Amino acid sequence: MQAEINEKIRVVTLFEEGKIKPFLFSWHKKIYKVLQVPFSYSKDIGKDKMYFFSIQTEGGGFEISFNSNKFSWEITKTL
C-alpha cells in the first residue's frame, strides 16, 4: 500500500557520468542503503527541475525526489 510522505531527507549521492545515483539516505534517525533503482524520471514543476527515483532498500520500497534548483531531497512516498 502506498503512503504519501513528503518529508525532507538527507541523501548520500553519486553524481557520475551525468547521472544522479542515490546511494543511501537518512529518515527518522535510520539509515537506508539503496539496493536498487528500478525506475527514475525527471519532471519540471514550475521553475523547479525534479528528479524522482523509485528505490528498493532492505526496509522496503520508497520514492525519493531531488530538486536540482534547491539541491534538496524529499522522501515522497512508500511503495
C-alpha atoms as a PDB file:
ATOM      1  CA  MET A   1       0.000   0.000   0.000  1.00  0.00           C
ATOM      2  CA  GLN A   2       1.404   3.389  -0.997  1.00  0.00           C
ATOM      3  CA  ALA A   3       1.501   6.218   1.513  1.00  0.00           C
ATOM      4  CA  GLU A   4       2.289   9.877   0.754  1.00  0.00           C
ATOM      5  CA  ILE A   5       5.067  11.262   2.973  1.00  0.00           C
ATOM      6  CA  ASN A   6       6.744  14.409   1.518  1.00  0.00           C
ATOM      7  CA  GLU A   7       9.403  14.864   4.215  1.00  0.00           C
ATOM      8  CA  LYS A   8      12.932  16.262   3.859  1.00  0.00           C
ATOM      9  CA  ILE A   9      15.692  13.652   3.996  1.00  0.00           C
ATOM     10  CA  ARG A  10      19.490  13.577   3.829  1.00  0.00           C
ATOM     11  CA  VAL A  11      20.931  11.567   0.935  1.00  0.00           C
ATOM     12  CA  VAL A  12      24.433  10.404   0.055  1.00  0.00           C
ATOM     13  CA  THR A  13      24.538  10.656  -3.726  1.00  0.00           C
ATOM     14  CA  LEU A  14      26.938   9.855  -6.533  1.00  0.00           C
ATOM     15  CA  PHE A  15      26.950  12.233  -9.480  1.00  0.00           C
ATOM     16  CA  GLU A  16      28.513  10.067 -12.165  1.00  0.00           C
ATOM     17  CA  GLU A  17      28.591  10.305 -15.971  1.00  0.00           C
ATOM     18  CA  GLY A  18      25.850  12.938 -15.988  1.00  0.00           C
ATOM     19  CA  LYS A  19      23.533  10.855 -13.792  1.00  0.00           C
ATOM     20  CA  ILE A  20      22.299  11.158 -10.218  1.00  0.00           C
ATOM     21  CA  LYS A  21      22.692   7.928  -8.227  1.00  0.00           C
ATOM     22  CA  PRO A  22      21.263   7.873  -4.689  1.00  0.00           C
ATOM     23  CA  PHE A  23      23.436   5.627  -2.512  1.00  0.00           C
ATOM     24  CA  LEU A  24      21.870   5.853   0.962  1.00  0.00           C
ATOM     25  CA  PHE A  25      19.531   8.116   2.903  1.00  0.00           C
ATOM     26  CA  SER A  26      18.637   9.014   6.460  1.00  0.00           C
ATOM     27  CA  TRP A  27      14.992   9.193   7.541  1.00  0.00           C
ATOM     28  CA  HIS A  28      13.632   9.224  11.109  1.00  0.00           C
ATOM     29  CA  LYS A  29      17.125   8.590  12.519  1.00  0.00           C
ATOM     30  CA  LYS A  30      17.561   5.423  10.460  1.00  0.00           C
ATOM     31  CA  ILE A  31      19.981   4.834   7.572  1.00  0.00           C
ATOM     32  CA  TYR A  32      18.640   3.108   4.453  1.00  0.00           C
ATOM     33  CA  LYS A  33      21.062   1.735   1.858  1.00  0.00           C
ATOM     34  CA  VAL A  34      19.749   1.883  -1.710  1.00  0.00           C
ATOM     35  CA  LEU A  35      19.934  -1.644  -3.116  1.00  0.00           C
ATOM     36  CA  GLN A  36      18.243  -0.986  -6.441  1.00  0.00           C
ATOM     37  CA  VAL A  37      16.753   1.861  -8.503  1.00  0.00           C
ATOM     38  CA  PRO A  38      14.286   0.099 -10.810  1.00  0.00           C
ATOM     39  CA  PHE A  39      12.771   3.331 -12.165  1.00  0.00           C
ATOM     40  CA  SER A  40      13.577   7.035 -12.356  1.00  0.00           C
ATOM     41  CA  TYR A  41      12.292  10.062 -14.263  1.00  0.00           C
ATOM     42  CA  SER A  42      12.534  13.855 -14.291  1.00  0.00           C
ATOM     43  CA  LYS A  43       9.811  16.474 -14.432  1.00  0.00           C
ATOM     44  CA  ASP A  44       9.580  20.270 -14.493  1.00  0.00           C
ATOM     45  CA  ILE A  45       7.345  21.586 -11.711  1.00  0.00           C
ATOM     46  CA  GLY A  46       7.041  25.344 -12.091  1.00  0.00           C
ATOM     47  CA  LYS A  47      10.594  26.677 -12.145  1.00  0.00           C
ATOM     48  CA  ASP A  48      11.977  23.569 -10.418  1.00  0.00           C
ATOM     49  CA  LYS A  49      13.545  20.587 -12.171  1.00  0.00           C
ATOM     50  CA  MET A  50      12.648  17.487 -10.155  1.00  0.00           C
ATOM     51  CA  TYR A  51      14.174  14.022 -10.359  1.00  0.00           C
ATOM     52  CA  PHE A  52      12.179  11.089  -8.968  1.00  0.00           C
ATOM     53  CA  PHE A  53      13.627   7.697  -8.015  1.00  0.00           C
ATOM     54  CA  SER A  54      11.765   4.523  -7.192  1.00  0.00           C
ATOM     55  CA  ILE A  55      14.180   2.710  -4.879  1.00  0.00           C
ATOM     56  CA  GLN A  56      14.439  -0.585  -3.045  1.00  0.00           C
ATOM     57  CA  THR A  57      16.079  -0.904   0.376  1.00  0.00           C
ATOM     58  CA  GLU A  58      16.172  -3.669   2.973  1.00  0.00           C
ATOM     59  CA  GLY A  59      13.500  -1.618   4.783  1.00  0.00           C
ATOM     60  CA  GLY A  60      11.130  -1.607   1.784  1.00  0.00           C
ATOM     61  CA  GLY A  61      10.390   0.431  -1.311  1.00  0.00           C
ATOM     62  CA  PHE A  62      10.277   4.220  -1.463  1.00  0.00           C
ATOM     63  CA  GLU A  63      10.037   7.070  -3.906  1.00  0.00           C
ATOM     64  CA  ILE A  64      12.506   9.879  -3.280  1.00  0.00           C
ATOM     65  CA  SER A  65      12.907  13.146  -5.161  1.00  0.00           C
ATOM     66  CA  PHE A  66      15.713  15.594  -5.812  1.00  0.00           C
ATOM     67  CA  ASN A  67      15.071  19.284  -6.523  1.00  0.00           C
ATOM     68  CA  SER A  68      18.039  20.398  -8.632  1.00  0.00           C
ATOM     69  CA  ASN A  69      17.285  24.120  -8.175  1.00  0.00           C
ATOM     70  CA  LYS A  70      17.194  23.935  -4.362  1.00  0.00           C
ATOM     71  CA  PHE A  71      19.636  20.991  -4.079  1.00  0.00           C
ATOM     72  CA  SER A  72      17.255  19.298  -1.645  1.00  0.00           C
ATOM     73  CA  TRP A  73      15.878  15.781  -1.236  1.00  0.00           C
ATOM     74  CA  GLU A  74      12.479  14.501  -0.051  1.00  0.00           C
ATOM     75  CA  ILE A  75      11.006  11.106   0.559  1.00  0.00           C
ATOM     76  CA  THR A  76       7.722  11.395  -1.303  1.00  0.00           C
ATOM     77  CA  LYS A  77       6.050   8.057  -0.581  1.00  0.00           C
ATOM     78  CA  THR A  78       6.382   4.442   0.450  1.00  0.00           C
ATOM     79  CA  LEU A  79       5.839   1.818  -2.220  1.00  0.00           C
END
